[in-house]
Amino acid sequence: MTRPVFSPDGRHVAFSAYETVSDPDTYLRRLYVSAPDGAGLTAIADTYEEPTDWLG
């Protein structure tokens, strides 16, 4: 999980988490947003990437 980032008004927090998928060399990175207390947790985007994508 990445470090949470708060919206400028403090009403929302965003973060991402990684999950493995069927291919062990590929990860699903899911972006989430919620209230600071965790209420209303919503996945807003999914991206598939390999662990070395950050090198490119």
N, C-alpha and C. Protein backbone atom coordinates (compact mmCIF):
# COMPACT_ATOMS: atom_id res chain seq x y z
N MET A 1 0.84 -1.16 0.00
CA MET A 1 0.00 0.00 0.00
C MET A 1 0.89 1.24 0.00
N THR A 2 0.46 2.24 -0.75
CA THR A 2 1.21 3.50 -0.78
C THR A 2 0.77 4.40 0.36
N ARG A 3 1.55 5.40 0.61
CA ARG A 3 1.22 6.37 1.65
C ARG A 3 -0.02 7.15 1.22
N PRO A 4 -1.01 7.28 2.08
CA PRO A 4 -2.24 8.01 1.71
C PRO A 4 -1.96 9.49 1.44
N VAL A 5 -2.74 10.04 0.53
CA VAL A 5 -2.65 11.46 0.18
C VAL A 5 -4.04 12.07 0.42
N PHE A 6 -4.09 13.14 1.19
CA PHE A 6 -5.36 13.80 1.48
C PHE A 6 -5.69 14.84 0.42
N SER A 7 -6.98 15.00 0.16
CA SER A 7 -7.43 16.05 -0.74
C SER A 7 -7.17 17.40 -0.08
N PRO A 8 -7.10 18.47 -0.88
CA PRO A 8 -6.82 19.79 -0.30
C PRO A 8 -7.81 20.21 0.80
N ASP A 9 -9.07 19.79 0.68
CA ASP A 9 -10.06 20.16 1.70
C ASP A 9 -10.12 19.16 2.87
N GLY A 10 -9.33 18.08 2.80
CA GLY A 10 -9.27 17.11 3.88
C GLY A 10 -10.45 16.15 3.96
N ARG A 11 -11.35 16.21 2.98
CA ARG A 11 -12.56 15.38 3.04
C ARG A 11 -12.36 13.99 2.44
N HIS A 12 -11.29 13.79 1.68
CA HIS A 12 -11.03 12.50 1.04
C HIS A 12 -9.57 12.12 1.18
N VAL A 13 -9.32 10.84 1.07
CA VAL A 13 -7.95 10.33 1.07
C VAL A 13 -7.83 9.35 -0.09
N ALA A 14 -6.70 9.37 -0.77
CA ALA A 14 -6.45 8.47 -1.89
C ALA A 14 -5.19 7.66 -1.61
N PHE A 15 -5.19 6.42 -2.07
CA PHE A 15 -4.02 5.55 -1.92
C PHE A 15 -4.12 4.43 -2.93
N SER A 16 -3.04 3.71 -3.12
CA SER A 16 -3.07 2.56 -4.03
C SER A 16 -2.55 1.34 -3.29
N ALA A 17 -2.96 0.18 -3.79
CA ALA A 17 -2.52 -1.09 -3.23
C ALA A 17 -2.24 -2.04 -4.38
N TYR A 18 -1.29 -2.95 -4.18
CA TYR A 18 -0.92 -3.93 -5.19
C TYR A 18 -1.46 -5.30 -4.83
N GLU A 19 -1.87 -6.04 -5.85
CA GLU A 19 -2.30 -7.43 -5.69
C GLU A 19 -1.64 -8.24 -6.80
N THR A 20 -1.32 -9.49 -6.52
CA THR A 20 -0.83 -10.35 -7.58
C THR A 20 -2.04 -10.89 -8.35
N VAL A 21 -1.83 -11.18 -9.61
CA VAL A 21 -2.88 -11.75 -10.46
C VAL A 21 -2.40 -13.12 -10.93
N SER A 22 -3.08 -13.71 -11.90
CA SER A 22 -2.75 -15.07 -12.32
C SER A 22 -1.31 -15.21 -12.84
N ASP A 23 -0.77 -14.17 -13.46
CA ASP A 23 0.62 -14.18 -13.91
C ASP A 23 1.49 -13.68 -12.75
N PRO A 24 2.36 -14.51 -12.20
CA PRO A 24 3.14 -14.09 -11.03
C PRO A 24 4.10 -12.93 -11.29
N ASP A 25 4.34 -12.60 -12.56
CA ASP A 25 5.24 -11.49 -12.88
C ASP A 25 4.48 -10.18 -13.13
N THR A 26 3.18 -10.19 -12.95
CA THR A 26 2.36 -9.01 -13.19
C THR A 26 1.56 -8.69 -11.93
N TYR A 27 1.41 -7.42 -11.66
CA TYR A 27 0.68 -6.97 -10.48
C TYR A 27 -0.48 -6.08 -10.89
N LEU A 28 -1.54 -6.12 -10.12
CA LEU A 28 -2.66 -5.22 -10.29
C LEU A 28 -2.49 -4.09 -9.28
N ARG A 29 -2.43 -2.88 -9.78
CA ARG A 29 -2.36 -1.71 -8.90
C ARG A 29 -3.74 -1.08 -8.91
N ARG A 30 -4.39 -1.05 -7.78
CA ARG A 30 -5.74 -0.51 -7.66
C ARG A 30 -5.68 0.78 -6.87
N LEU A 31 -6.29 1.83 -7.44
CA LEU A 31 -6.34 3.14 -6.78
C LEU A 31 -7.67 3.27 -6.05
N TYR A 32 -7.61 3.75 -4.81
CA TYR A 32 -8.80 3.89 -3.97
C TYR A 32 -8.96 5.32 -3.48
N VAL A 33 -10.21 5.67 -3.17
CA VAL A 33 -10.52 6.93 -2.51
C VAL A 33 -11.55 6.63 -1.43
N SER A 34 -11.47 7.35 -0.31
CA SER A 34 -12.43 7.17 0.78
C SER A 34 -12.43 8.42 1.65
N ALA A 35 -13.33 8.42 2.63
CA ALA A 35 -13.29 9.44 3.67
C ALA A 35 -12.11 9.11 4.58
N PRO A 36 -11.59 10.07 5.33
CA PRO A 36 -10.45 9.80 6.21
C PRO A 36 -10.68 8.67 7.21
N ASP A 37 -11.93 8.42 7.59
CA ASP A 37 -12.21 7.33 8.53
C ASP A 37 -12.41 5.98 7.83
N GLY A 38 -12.23 5.94 6.50
CA GLY A 38 -12.38 4.70 5.74
C GLY A 38 -13.76 4.49 5.16
N ALA A 39 -14.72 5.33 5.52
CA ALA A 39 -16.08 5.20 5.00
C ALA A 39 -16.11 5.49 3.50
N GLY A 40 -16.95 4.78 2.80
CA GLY A 40 -17.13 5.02 1.37
C GLY A 40 -15.96 4.60 0.52
N LEU A 41 -15.21 3.60 0.96
CA LEU A 41 -14.05 3.14 0.19
C LEU A 41 -14.49 2.73 -1.21
N THR A 42 -13.85 3.32 -2.22
CA THR A 42 -14.20 3.07 -3.62
C THR A 42 -12.94 2.88 -4.45
N ALA A 43 -12.90 1.79 -5.22
CA ALA A 43 -11.81 1.60 -6.18
C ALA A 43 -12.12 2.45 -7.39
N ILE A 44 -11.18 3.31 -7.78
CA ILE A 44 -11.45 4.23 -8.89
C ILE A 44 -10.69 3.90 -10.16
N ALA A 45 -9.65 3.06 -10.07
CA ALA A 45 -8.88 2.71 -11.27
C ALA A 45 -8.05 1.46 -11.01
N ASP A 46 -7.87 0.67 -12.05
CA ASP A 46 -7.00 -0.50 -12.01
C ASP A 46 -5.97 -0.37 -13.12
N THR A 47 -4.73 -0.70 -12.82
CA THR A 47 -3.70 -0.76 -13.84
C THR A 47 -2.92 -2.05 -13.65
N TYR A 48 -2.52 -2.66 -14.73
CA TYR A 48 -1.69 -3.86 -14.67
C TYR A 48 -0.28 -3.46 -15.04
N GLU A 49 0.67 -3.92 -14.26
CA GLU A 49 2.05 -3.55 -14.54
C GLU A 49 2.99 -4.65 -14.07
N GLU A 50 4.14 -4.66 -14.66
CA GLU A 50 5.20 -5.56 -14.22
C GLU A 50 6.05 -4.82 -13.20
N PRO A 51 6.71 -5.52 -12.28
CA PRO A 51 7.48 -4.86 -11.24
C PRO A 51 8.54 -3.89 -11.75
N THR A 52 9.01 -4.05 -12.98
CA THR A 52 10.07 -3.18 -13.50
C THR A 52 9.53 -2.04 -14.35
N ASP A 53 8.21 -1.84 -14.43
CA ASP A 53 7.65 -0.76 -15.23
C ASP A 53 8.19 0.61 -14.83
N TRP A 54 8.57 0.77 -13.58
CA TRP A 54 9.09 2.05 -13.13
C TRP A 54 10.45 2.37 -13.73
N LEU A 55 11.13 1.37 -14.30
CA LEU A 55 12.43 1.62 -14.92
C LEU A 55 12.29 2.30 -16.28
N GLY A 56 11.14 2.10 -16.93
CA GLY A 56 10.94 2.60 -18.28
C GLY A 56 10.71 4.06 -18.31
